[in-house]
Amino acid sequence: MAAAAGKAGNGTKTTPDLEADIKQLKADIEALAKQLAATGEHGYGAARHAAALGAEQMKAQSDAAVEALRSNARDIEDQIMTTVREKPVTSLAIAAGVGFLVALLARR
């Protein structure tokens, strides 16, 4: 025959050529699967790291907000105490009025 080794004369592949191609295809698929698995693990690790950083930032922000609220509450308390000391009669009248309003609302 005039065909070259491993090739048929009309351009089609022979059985050994097809078997070699199948082996190469299997190897390529296996390498691709390993690469996809590694990429997936890397992506999961990166997402987990980003989530941890985000959680730490949110905790720091919430701690700062709580501290700011505590500071504001202390300032308001100090202002109320100063006002009560400076004007005790007025403060007593305001407290009685607020108590009266609360009692009216509670009865309804």
PDB file of N, CA and C in Angstrom:
ATOM      1  N   MET A   1       0.826  -1.179   0.000  1.00  0.00           N
ATOM      2  CA  MET A   1       0.000   0.000   0.000  1.00  0.00           C
ATOM      3  C   MET A   1       0.861   1.228   0.000  1.00  0.00           C
ATOM      4  N   ALA A   2       0.275   2.312  -0.454  1.00  0.00           N
ATOM      5  CA  ALA A   2       0.999   3.559  -0.553  1.00  0.00           C
ATOM      6  C   ALA A   2       0.792   4.433   0.669  1.00  0.00           C
ATOM      7  N   ALA A   3       0.072   3.946   1.669  1.00  0.00           N
ATOM      8  CA  ALA A   3      -0.223   4.753   2.861  1.00  0.00           C
ATOM      9  C   ALA A   3       0.999   4.825   3.757  1.00  0.00           C
ATOM     10  N   ALA A   4       1.146   5.997   4.415  1.00  0.00           N
ATOM     11  CA  ALA A   4       2.242   6.163   5.368  1.00  0.00           C
ATOM     12  C   ALA A   4       1.877   5.421   6.640  1.00  0.00           C
ATOM     13  N   ALA A   5       2.872   5.178   7.489  1.00  0.00           N
ATOM     14  CA  ALA A   5       2.631   4.437   8.730  1.00  0.00           C
ATOM     15  C   ALA A   5       1.673   5.223   9.613  1.00  0.00           C
ATOM     16  N   GLY A   6       0.585   4.557   9.976  1.00  0.00           N
ATOM     17  CA  GLY A   6      -0.391   5.191  10.850  1.00  0.00           C
ATOM     18  C   GLY A   6      -1.435   5.997  10.110  1.00  0.00           C
ATOM     19  N   LYS A   7      -1.332   6.207   8.836  1.00  0.00           N
ATOM     20  CA  LYS A   7      -2.295   6.990   8.073  1.00  0.00           C
ATOM     21  C   LYS A   7      -2.786   6.154   6.892  1.00  0.00           C
ATOM     22  N   ALA A   8      -4.049   6.318   6.597  1.00  0.00           N
ATOM     23  CA  ALA A   8      -4.593   5.660   5.422  1.00  0.00           C
ATOM     24  C   ALA A   8      -4.358   6.571   4.231  1.00  0.00           C
ATOM     25  N   GLY A   9      -4.445   6.046   3.069  1.00  0.00           N
ATOM     26  CA  GLY A   9      -4.175   6.801   1.867  1.00  0.00           C
ATOM     27  C   GLY A   9      -5.173   7.913   1.598  1.00  0.00           C
ATOM     28  N   ASN A  10      -6.386   7.842   2.095  1.00  0.00           N
ATOM     29  CA  ASN A  10      -7.394   8.844   1.768  1.00  0.00           C
ATOM     30  C   ASN A  10      -7.514   9.943   2.840  1.00  0.00           C
ATOM     31  N   GLY A  11      -6.612  10.019   3.807  1.00  0.00           N
ATOM     32  CA  GLY A  11      -6.613  11.081   4.807  1.00  0.00           C
ATOM     33  C   GLY A  11      -7.339  10.729   6.086  1.00  0.00           C
ATOM     34  N   THR A  12      -7.892   9.533   6.195  1.00  0.00           N
ATOM     35  CA  THR A  12      -8.556   9.141   7.438  1.00  0.00           C
ATOM     36  C   THR A  12      -7.537   8.499   8.356  1.00  0.00           C
ATOM     37  N   LYS A  13      -7.828   8.520   9.665  1.00  0.00           N
ATOM     38  CA  LYS A  13      -6.897   7.975  10.648  1.00  0.00           C
ATOM     39  C   LYS A  13      -7.161   6.493  10.832  1.00  0.00           C
ATOM     40  N   THR A  14      -6.103   5.794  11.194  1.00  0.00           N
ATOM     41  CA  THR A  14      -6.222   4.362  11.451  1.00  0.00           C
ATOM     42  C   THR A  14      -6.550   4.145  12.918  1.00  0.00           C
ATOM     43  N   THR A  15      -6.820   2.932  13.273  1.00  0.00           N
ATOM     44  CA  THR A  15      -7.186   2.585  14.643  1.00  0.00           C
ATOM     45  C   THR A  15      -6.094   2.983  15.639  1.00  0.00           C
ATOM     46  N   PRO A  16      -4.822   2.712  15.393  1.00  0.00           N
ATOM     47  CA  PRO A  16      -3.791   3.144  16.361  1.00  0.00           C
ATOM     48  C   PRO A  16      -3.749   4.669  16.514  1.00  0.00           C
ATOM     49  N   ASP A  17      -3.984   5.397  15.426  1.00  0.00           N
ATOM     50  CA  ASP A  17      -4.009   6.861  15.514  1.00  0.00           C
ATOM     51  C   ASP A  17      -5.183   7.331  16.369  1.00  0.00           C
ATOM     52  N   LEU A  18      -6.339   6.723  16.182  1.00  0.00           N
ATOM     53  CA  LEU A  18      -7.509   7.094  16.961  1.00  0.00           C
ATOM     54  C   LEU A  18      -7.316   6.760  18.433  1.00  0.00           C
ATOM     55  N   GLU A  19      -6.697   5.614  18.716  1.00  0.00           N
ATOM     56  CA  GLU A  19      -6.428   5.241  20.097  1.00  0.00           C
ATOM     57  C   GLU A  19      -5.467   6.242  20.741  1.00  0.00           C
ATOM     58  N   ALA A  20      -4.476   6.683  20.010  1.00  0.00           N
ATOM     59  CA  ALA A  20      -3.524   7.678  20.530  1.00  0.00           C
ATOM     60  C   ALA A  20      -4.237   9.008  20.775  1.00  0.00           C
ATOM     61  N   ASP A  21      -5.109   9.378  19.864  1.00  0.00           N
ATOM     62  CA  ASP A  21      -5.880  10.623  20.045  1.00  0.00           C
ATOM     63  C   ASP A  21      -6.796  10.532  21.270  1.00  0.00           C
ATOM     64  N   ILE A  22      -7.415   9.376  21.462  1.00  0.00           N
ATOM     65  CA  ILE A  22      -8.295   9.183  22.619  1.00  0.00           C
ATOM     66  C   ILE A  22      -7.491   9.273  23.911  1.00  0.00           C
ATOM     67  N   LYS A  23      -6.289   8.650  23.929  1.00  0.00           N
ATOM     68  CA  LYS A  23      -5.436   8.724  25.112  1.00  0.00           C
ATOM     69  C   LYS A  23      -5.040  10.173  25.395  1.00  0.00           C
ATOM     70  N   GLN A  24      -4.689  10.903  24.355  1.00  0.00           N
ATOM     71  CA  GLN A  24      -4.310  12.305  24.521  1.00  0.00           C
ATOM     72  C   GLN A  24      -5.495  13.129  25.016  1.00  0.00           C
ATOM     73  N   LEU A  25      -6.680  12.854  24.490  1.00  0.00           N
ATOM     74  CA  LEU A  25      -7.888  13.562  24.907  1.00  0.00           C
ATOM     75  C   LEU A  25      -8.198  13.275  26.376  1.00  0.00           C
ATOM     76  N   LYS A  26      -8.061  12.012  26.798  1.00  0.00           N
ATOM     77  CA  LYS A  26      -8.271  11.661  28.191  1.00  0.00           C
ATOM     78  C   LYS A  26      -7.280  12.395  29.091  1.00  0.00           C
ATOM     79  N   ALA A  27      -6.033  12.461  28.672  1.00  0.00           N
ATOM     80  CA  ALA A  27      -5.004  13.156  29.457  1.00  0.00           C
ATOM     81  C   ALA A  27      -5.326  14.655  29.548  1.00  0.00           C
ATOM     82  N   ASP A  28      -5.772  15.226  28.443  1.00  0.00           N
ATOM     83  CA  ASP A  28      -6.130  16.649  28.445  1.00  0.00           C
ATOM     84  C   ASP A  28      -7.321  16.921  29.363  1.00  0.00           C
ATOM     85  N   ILE A  29      -8.316  16.035  29.317  1.00  0.00           N
ATOM     86  CA  ILE A  29      -9.495  16.190  30.170  1.00  0.00           C
ATOM     87  C   ILE A  29      -9.098  16.067  31.642  1.00  0.00           C
ATOM     88  N   GLU A  30      -8.226  15.119  31.947  1.00  0.00           N
ATOM     89  CA  GLU A  30      -7.768  14.940  33.328  1.00  0.00           C
ATOM     90  C   GLU A  30      -7.004  16.175  33.809  1.00  0.00           C
ATOM     91  N   ALA A  31      -6.143  16.719  32.963  1.00  0.00           N
ATOM     92  CA  ALA A  31      -5.389  17.923  33.333  1.00  0.00           C
ATOM     93  C   ALA A  31      -6.326  19.106  33.525  1.00  0.00           C
ATOM     94  N   LEU A  32      -7.328  19.216  32.669  1.00  0.00           N
ATOM     95  CA  LEU A  32      -8.304  20.298  32.781  1.00  0.00           C
ATOM     96  C   LEU A  32      -9.118  20.163  34.072  1.00  0.00           C
ATOM     97  N   ALA A  33      -9.498  18.937  34.413  1.00  0.00           N
ATOM     98  CA  ALA A  33     -10.261  18.708  35.648  1.00  0.00           C
ATOM     99  C   ALA A  33      -9.431  19.098  36.872  1.00  0.00           C
ATOM    100  N   LYS A  34      -8.147  18.748  36.864  1.00  0.00           N
ATOM    101  CA  LYS A  34      -7.267  19.125  37.983  1.00  0.00           C
ATOM    102  C   LYS A  34      -7.131  20.642  38.071  1.00  0.00           C
ATOM    103  N   GLN A  35      -6.984  21.277  36.937  1.00  0.00           N
ATOM    104  CA  GLN A  35      -6.848  22.734  36.910  1.00  0.00           C
ATOM    105  C   GLN A  35      -8.127  23.416  37.418  1.00  0.00           C
ATOM    106  N   LEU A  36      -9.286  22.907  37.002  1.00  0.00           N
ATOM    107  CA  LEU A  36     -10.552  23.467  37.478  1.00  0.00           C
ATOM    108  C   LEU A  36     -10.719  23.266  38.982  1.00  0.00           C
ATOM    109  N   ALA A  37     -10.307  22.116  39.488  1.00  0.00           N
ATOM    110  CA  ALA A  37     -10.399  21.859  40.926  1.00  0.00           C
ATOM    111  C   ALA A  37      -9.502  22.825  41.690  1.00  0.00           C
ATOM    112  N   ALA A  38      -8.289  23.039  41.195  1.00  0.00           N
ATOM    113  CA  ALA A  38      -7.377  23.972  41.858  1.00  0.00           C
ATOM    114  C   ALA A  38      -7.919  25.392  41.807  1.00  0.00           C
ATOM    115  N   THR A  39      -8.498  25.771  40.687  1.00  0.00           N
ATOM    116  CA  THR A  39      -9.082  27.110  40.556  1.00  0.00           C
ATOM    117  C   THR A  39     -10.261  27.275  41.510  1.00  0.00           C
ATOM    118  N   GLY A  40     -11.081  26.262  41.634  1.00  0.00           N
ATOM    119  CA  GLY A  40     -12.215  26.299  42.547  1.00  0.00           C
ATOM    120  C   GLY A  40     -11.769  26.435  43.995  1.00  0.00           C
ATOM    121  N   GLU A  41     -10.731  25.680  44.372  1.00  0.00           N
ATOM    122  CA  GLU A  41     -10.209  25.776  45.739  1.00  0.00           C
ATOM    123  C   GLU A  41      -9.645  27.164  46.002  1.00  0.00           C
ATOM    124  N   HIS A  42      -8.949  27.715  45.024  1.00  0.00           N
ATOM    125  CA  HIS A  42      -8.383  29.060  45.176  1.00  0.00           C
ATOM    126  C   HIS A  42      -9.501  30.095  45.296  1.00  0.00           C
ATOM    127  N   GLY A  43     -10.524  29.957  44.478  1.00  0.00           N
ATOM    128  CA  GLY A  43     -11.652  30.888  44.524  1.00  0.00           C
ATOM    129  C   GLY A  43     -12.385  30.807  45.854  1.00  0.00           C
ATOM    130  N   TYR A  44     -12.566  29.608  46.372  1.00  0.00           N
ATOM    131  CA  TYR A  44     -13.228  29.431  47.668  1.00  0.00           C
ATOM    132  C   TYR A  44     -12.404  30.070  48.778  1.00  0.00           C
ATOM    133  N   GLY A  45     -11.091  29.846  48.730  1.00  0.00           N
ATOM    134  CA  GLY A  45     -10.214  30.433  49.745  1.00  0.00           C
ATOM    135  C   GLY A  45     -10.227  31.946  49.689  1.00  0.00           C
ATOM    136  N   ALA A  46     -10.210  32.501  48.496  1.00  0.00           N
ATOM    137  CA  ALA A  46     -10.233  33.961  48.348  1.00  0.00           C
ATOM    138  C   ALA A  46     -11.558  34.533  48.842  1.00  0.00           C
ATOM    139  N   ALA A  47     -12.668  33.874  48.521  1.00  0.00           N
ATOM    140  CA  ALA A  47     -13.976  34.344  48.975  1.00  0.00           C
ATOM    141  C   ALA A  47     -14.079  34.255  50.494  1.00  0.00           C
ATOM    142  N   ARG A  48     -13.562  33.198  51.058  1.00  0.00           N
ATOM    143  CA  ARG A  48     -13.590  33.025  52.510  1.00  0.00           C
ATOM    144  C   ARG A  48     -12.756  34.104  53.196  1.00  0.00           C
ATOM    145  N   HIS A  49     -11.592  34.390  52.633  1.00  0.00           N
ATOM    146  CA  HIS A  49     -10.722  35.435  53.188  1.00  0.00           C
ATOM    147  C   HIS A  49     -11.402  36.802  53.100  1.00  0.00           C
ATOM    148  N   ALA A  50     -12.021  37.097  51.963  1.00  0.00           N
ATOM    149  CA  ALA A  50     -12.719  38.379  51.794  1.00  0.00           C
ATOM    150  C   ALA A  50     -13.877  38.496  52.784  1.00  0.00           C
ATOM    151  N   ALA A  51     -14.605  37.413  52.993  1.00  0.00           N
ATOM    152  CA  ALA A  51     -15.719  37.433  53.946  1.00  0.00           C
ATOM    153  C   ALA A  51     -15.214  37.665  55.365  1.00  0.00           C
ATOM    154  N   ALA A  52     -14.097  37.049  55.712  1.00  0.00           N
ATOM    155  CA  ALA A  52     -13.523  37.241  57.053  1.00  0.00           C
ATOM    156  C   ALA A  52     -13.089  38.689  57.245  1.00  0.00           C
ATOM    157  N   LEU A  53     -12.463  39.262  56.228  1.00  0.00           N
ATOM    158  CA  LEU A  53     -12.055  40.665  56.319  1.00  0.00           C
ATOM    159  C   LEU A  53     -13.267  41.583  56.445  1.00  0.00           C
ATOM    160  N   GLY A  54     -14.301  41.302  55.677  1.00  0.00           N
ATOM    161  CA  GLY A  54     -15.528  42.099  55.747  1.00  0.00           C
ATOM    162  C   GLY A  54     -16.164  42.011  57.123  1.00  0.00           C
ATOM    163  N   ALA A  55     -16.177  40.826  57.704  1.00  0.00           N
ATOM    164  CA  ALA A  55     -16.754  40.643  59.034  1.00  0.00           C
ATOM    165  C   ALA A  55     -15.949  41.423  60.077  1.00  0.00           C
ATOM    166  N   GLU A  56     -14.626  41.396  59.958  1.00  0.00           N
ATOM    167  CA  GLU A  56     -13.787  42.142  60.893  1.00  0.00           C
ATOM    168  C   GLU A  56     -14.036  43.649  60.768  1.00  0.00           C
ATOM    169  N   GLN A  57     -14.175  44.127  59.538  1.00  0.00           N
ATOM    170  CA  GLN A  57     -14.432  45.555  59.329  1.00  0.00           C
ATOM    171  C   GLN A  57     -15.793  45.949  59.902  1.00  0.00           C
ATOM    172  N   MET A  58     -16.802  45.116  59.689  1.00  0.00           N
ATOM    173  CA  MET A  58     -18.134  45.418  60.215  1.00  0.00           C
ATOM    174  C   MET A  58     -18.125  45.416  61.739  1.00  0.00           C
ATOM    175  N   LYS A  59     -17.382  44.487  62.353  1.00  0.00           N
ATOM    176  CA  LYS A  59     -17.292  44.444  63.809  1.00  0.00           C
ATOM    177  C   LYS A  59     -16.616  45.706  64.328  1.00  0.00           C
ATOM    178  N   ALA A  60     -15.548  46.130  63.675  1.00  0.00           N
ATOM    179  CA  ALA A  60     -14.859  47.345  64.102  1.00  0.00           C
ATOM    180  C   ALA A  60     -15.770  48.564  63.972  1.00  0.00           C
ATOM    181  N   GLN A  61     -16.522  48.637  62.883  1.00  0.00           N
ATOM    182  CA  GLN A  61     -17.441  49.756  62.686  1.00  0.00           C
ATOM    183  C   GLN A  61     -18.562  49.733  63.720  1.00  0.00           C
ATOM    184  N   SER A  62     -19.086  48.551  64.018  1.00  0.00           N
ATOM    185  CA  SER A  62     -20.167  48.471  65.005  1.00  0.00           C
ATOM    186  C   SER A  62     -19.647  48.814  66.392  1.00  0.00           C
ATOM    187  N   ASP A  63     -18.429  48.385  66.717  1.00  0.00           N
ATOM    188  CA  ASP A  63     -17.844  48.742  68.010  1.00  0.00           C
ATOM    189  C   ASP A  63     -17.673  50.251  68.128  1.00  0.00           C
ATOM    190  N   ALA A  64     -17.223  50.884  67.044  1.00  0.00           N
ATOM    191  CA  ALA A  64     -17.058  52.339  67.048  1.00  0.00           C
ATOM    192  C   ALA A  64     -18.414  53.038  67.199  1.00  0.00           C
ATOM    193  N   ALA A  65     -19.443  52.523  66.538  1.00  0.00           N
ATOM    194  CA  ALA A  65     -20.774  53.123  66.639  1.00  0.00           C
ATOM    195  C   ALA A  65     -21.336  52.975  68.047  1.00  0.00           C
ATOM    196  N   VAL A  66     -21.144  51.817  68.668  1.00  0.00           N
ATOM    197  CA  VAL A  66     -21.622  51.599  70.034  1.00  0.00           C
ATOM    198  C   VAL A  66     -20.904  52.545  70.996  1.00  0.00           C
ATOM    199  N   GLU A  67     -19.614  52.701  70.812  1.00  0.00           N
ATOM    200  CA  GLU A  67     -18.851  53.612  71.681  1.00  0.00           C
ATOM    201  C   GLU A  67     -19.312  55.049  71.489  1.00  0.00           C
ATOM    202  N   ALA A  68     -19.611  55.446  70.264  1.00  0.00           N
ATOM    203  CA  ALA A  68     -20.116  56.802  70.011  1.00  0.00           C
ATOM    204  C   ALA A  68     -21.478  57.004  70.682  1.00  0.00           C
ATOM    205  N   LEU A  69     -22.341  55.995  70.627  1.00  0.00           N
ATOM    206  CA  LEU A  69     -23.646  56.088  71.291  1.00  0.00           C
ATOM    207  C   LEU A  69     -23.491  56.192  72.808  1.00  0.00           C
ATOM    208  N   ARG A  70     -22.572  55.409  73.361  1.00  0.00           N
ATOM    209  CA  ARG A  70     -22.332  55.486  74.808  1.00  0.00           C
ATOM    210  C   ARG A  70     -21.830  56.875  75.195  1.00  0.00           C
ATOM    211  N   SER A  71     -20.939  57.401  74.395  1.00  0.00           N
ATOM    212  CA  SER A  71     -20.401  58.736  74.669  1.00  0.00           C
ATOM    213  C   SER A  71     -21.510  59.790  74.612  1.00  0.00           C
ATOM    214  N   ASN A  72     -22.368  59.692  73.599  1.00  0.00           N
ATOM    215  CA  ASN A  72     -23.491  60.629  73.483  1.00  0.00           C
ATOM    216  C   ASN A  72     -24.447  60.493  74.676  1.00  0.00           C
ATOM    217  N   ALA A  73     -24.694  59.259  75.099  1.00  0.00           N
ATOM    218  CA  ALA A  73     -25.583  59.039  76.243  1.00  0.00           C
ATOM    219  C   ALA A  73     -24.984  59.653  77.508  1.00  0.00           C
ATOM    220  N   ARG A  74     -23.673  59.494  77.684  1.00  0.00           N
ATOM    221  CA  ARG A  74     -23.011  60.103  78.846  1.00  0.00           C
ATOM    222  C   ARG A  74     -23.115  61.623  78.795  1.00  0.00           C
ATOM    223  N   ASP A  75     -22.929  62.195  77.604  1.00  0.00           N
ATOM    224  CA  ASP A  75     -23.033  63.657  77.457  1.00  0.00           C
ATOM    225  C   ASP A  75     -24.443  64.144  77.799  1.00  0.00           C
ATOM    226  N   ILE A  76     -25.449  63.440  77.306  1.00  0.00           N
ATOM    227  CA  ILE A  76     -26.846  63.820  77.586  1.00  0.00           C
ATOM    228  C   ILE A  76     -27.133  63.695  79.079  1.00  0.00           C
ATOM    229  N   GLU A  77     -26.649  62.617  79.676  1.00  0.00           N
ATOM    230  CA  GLU A  77     -26.848  62.429  81.117  1.00  0.00           C
ATOM    231  C   GLU A  77     -26.197  63.569  81.907  1.00  0.00           C
ATOM    232  N   ASP A  78     -24.986  63.936  81.501  1.00  0.00           N
ATOM    233  CA  ASP A  78     -24.305  65.050  82.176  1.00  0.00           C
ATOM    234  C   ASP A  78     -25.088  66.351  82.025  1.00  0.00           C
ATOM    235  N   GLN A  79     -25.624  66.593  80.837  1.00  0.00           N
ATOM    236  CA  GLN A  79     -26.408  67.814  80.610  1.00  0.00           C
ATOM    237  C   GLN A  79     -27.670  67.822  81.474  1.00  0.00           C
ATOM    238  N   ILE A  80     -28.334  66.668  81.569  1.00  0.00           N
ATOM    239  CA  ILE A  80     -29.550  66.574  82.386  1.00  0.00           C
ATOM    240  C   ILE A  80     -29.206  66.810  83.858  1.00  0.00           C
ATOM    241  N   MET A  81     -28.140  66.196  84.320  1.00  0.00           N
ATOM    242  CA  MET A  81     -27.741  66.370  85.717  1.00  0.00           C
ATOM    243  C   MET A  81     -27.409  67.833  86.011  1.00  0.00           C
ATOM    244  N   THR A  82     -26.731  68.499  85.093  1.00  0.00           N
ATOM    245  CA  THR A  82     -26.402  69.913  85.274  1.00  0.00           C
ATOM    246  C   THR A  82     -27.666  70.755  85.324  1.00  0.00           C
ATOM    247  N   THR A  83     -28.583  70.483  84.432  1.00  0.00           N
ATOM    248  CA  THR A  83     -29.839  71.239  84.403  1.00  0.00           C
ATOM    249  C   THR A  83     -30.636  71.017  85.678  1.00  0.00           C
ATOM    250  N   VAL A  84     -30.707  69.787  86.165  1.00  0.00           N
ATOM    251  CA  VAL A  84     -31.451  69.484  87.387  1.00  0.00           C
ATOM    252  C   VAL A  84     -30.817  70.210  88.579  1.00  0.00           C
ATOM    253  N   ARG A  85     -29.491  70.247  88.619  1.00  0.00           N
ATOM    254  CA  ARG A  85     -28.810  70.942  89.724  1.00  0.00           C
ATOM    255  C   ARG A  85     -29.034  72.457  89.667  1.00  0.00           C
ATOM    256  N   GLU A  86     -29.051  72.993  88.443  1.00  0.00           N
ATOM    257  CA  GLU A  86     -29.222  74.442  88.294  1.00  0.00           C
ATOM    258  C   GLU A  86     -30.671  74.873  88.508  1.00  0.00           C
ATOM    259  N   LYS A  87     -31.616  74.048  88.065  1.00  0.00           N
ATOM    260  CA  LYS A  87     -33.046  74.419  88.140  1.00  0.00           C
ATOM    261  C   LYS A  87     -33.849  73.241  88.691  1.00  0.00           C
ATOM    262  N   PRO A  88     -33.755  72.971  89.974  1.00  0.00           N
ATOM    263  CA  PRO A  88     -34.441  71.793  90.526  1.00  0.00           C
ATOM    264  C   PRO A  88     -35.965  71.900  90.478  1.00  0.00           C
ATOM    265  N   VAL A  89     -36.520  73.081  90.698  1.00  0.00           N
ATOM    266  CA  VAL A  89     -37.977  73.233  90.690  1.00  0.00           C
ATOM    267  C   VAL A  89     -38.524  73.019  89.282  1.00  0.00           C
ATOM    268  N   THR A  90     -37.870  73.604  88.301  1.00  0.00           N
ATOM    269  CA  THR A  90     -38.301  73.422  86.905  1.00  0.00           C
ATOM    270  C   THR A  90     -38.199  71.953  86.500  1.00  0.00           C
ATOM    271  N   SER A  91     -37.116  71.309  86.909  1.00  0.00           N
ATOM    272  CA  SER A  91     -36.929  69.887  86.571  1.00  0.00           C
ATOM    273  C   SER A  91     -38.007  69.027  87.207  1.00  0.00           C
ATOM    274  N   LEU A  92     -38.369  69.344  88.439  1.00  0.00           N
ATOM    275  CA  LEU A  92     -39.421  68.591  89.121  1.00  0.00           C
ATOM    276  C   LEU A  92     -40.763  68.781  88.430  1.00  0.00           C
ATOM    277  N   ALA A  93     -41.040  70.005  87.991  1.00  0.00           N
ATOM    278  CA  ALA A  93     -42.295  70.272  87.280  1.00  0.00           C
ATOM    279  C   ALA A  93     -42.337  69.520  85.945  1.00  0.00           C
ATOM    280  N   ILE A  94     -41.224  69.492  85.239  1.00  0.00           N
ATOM    281  CA  ILE A  94     -41.164  68.759  83.958  1.00  0.00           C
ATOM    282  C   ILE A  94     -41.365  67.272  84.206  1.00  0.00           C
ATOM    283  N   ALA A  95     -40.720  66.725  85.225  1.00  0.00           N
ATOM    284  CA  ALA A  95     -40.854  65.293  85.528  1.00  0.00           C
ATOM    285  C   ALA A  95     -42.295  64.957  85.884  1.00  0.00           C
ATOM    286  N   ALA A  96     -42.951  65.830  86.651  1.00  0.00           N
ATOM    287  CA  ALA A  96     -44.351  65.588  87.014  1.00  0.00           C
ATOM    288  C   ALA A  96     -45.238  65.628  85.775  1.00  0.00           C
ATOM    289  N   GLY A  97     -44.986  66.571  84.889  1.00  0.00           N
ATOM    290  CA  GLY A  97     -45.769  66.664  83.651  1.00  0.00           C
ATOM    291  C   GLY A  97     -45.594  65.440  82.770  1.00  0.00           C
ATOM    292  N   VAL A  98     -44.366  64.979  82.632  1.00  0.00           N
ATOM    293  CA  VAL A  98     -44.108  63.779  81.822  1.00  0.00           C
ATOM    294  C   VAL A  98     -44.780  62.573  82.462  1.00  0.00           C
ATOM    295  N   GLY A  99     -44.700  62.466  83.786  1.00  0.00           N
ATOM    296  CA  GLY A  99     -45.361  61.358  84.480  1.00  0.00           C
ATOM    297  C   GLY A  99     -46.857  61.378  84.272  1.00  0.00           C
ATOM    298  N   PHE A 100     -47.459  62.569  84.317  1.00  0.00           N
ATOM    299  CA  PHE A 100     -48.892  62.707  84.093  1.00  0.00           C
ATOM    300  C   PHE A 100     -49.272  62.246  82.678  1.00  0.00           C
ATOM    301  N   LEU A 101     -48.486  62.662  81.674  1.00  0.00           N
ATOM    302  CA  LEU A 101     -48.747  62.256  80.280  1.00  0.00           C
ATOM    303  C   LEU A 101     -48.625  60.758  80.107  1.00  0.00           C
ATOM    304  N   VAL A 102     -47.616  60.152  80.711  1.00  0.00           N
ATOM    305  CA  VAL A 102     -47.429  58.711  80.613  1.00  0.00           C
ATOM    306  C   VAL A 102     -48.617  57.993  81.256  1.00  0.00           C
ATOM    307  N   ALA A 103     -49.102  58.517  82.400  1.00  0.00           N
ATOM    308  CA  ALA A 103     -50.251  57.899  83.067  1.00  0.00           C
ATOM    309  C   ALA A 103     -51.497  57.981  82.184  1.00  0.00           C
ATOM    310  N   LEU A 104     -51.694  59.139  81.522  1.00  0.00           N
ATOM    311  CA  LEU A 104     -52.843  59.263  80.612  1.00  0.00           C
ATOM    312  C   LEU A 104     -52.762  58.280  79.453  1.00  0.00           C
ATOM    313  N   LEU A 105     -51.606  58.157  78.892  1.00  0.00           N
ATOM    314  CA  LEU A 105     -51.438  57.226  77.764  1.00  0.00           C
ATOM    315  C   LEU A 105     -51.595  55.778  78.207  1.00  0.00           C
ATOM    316  N   ALA A 106     -51.153  55.452  79.408  1.00  0.00           N
ATOM    317  CA  ALA A 106     -51.236  54.086  79.903  1.00  0.00           C
ATOM    318  C   ALA A 106     -52.681  53.669  80.185  1.00  0.00           C
ATOM    319  N   ARG A 107     -53.537  54.629  80.525  1.00  0.00           N
ATOM    320  CA  ARG A 107     -54.935  54.318  80.820  1.00  0.00           C
ATOM    321  C   ARG A 107     -55.726  53.974  79.560  1.00  0.00           C
ATOM    322  N   ARG A 108     -55.278  54.407  78.426  1.00  0.00           N
ATOM    323  CA  ARG A 108     -56.026  54.172  77.175  1.00  0.00           C
ATOM    324  C   ARG A 108     -55.754  52.840  76.619  1.00  0.00           C
TER     325      ARG A 108
END
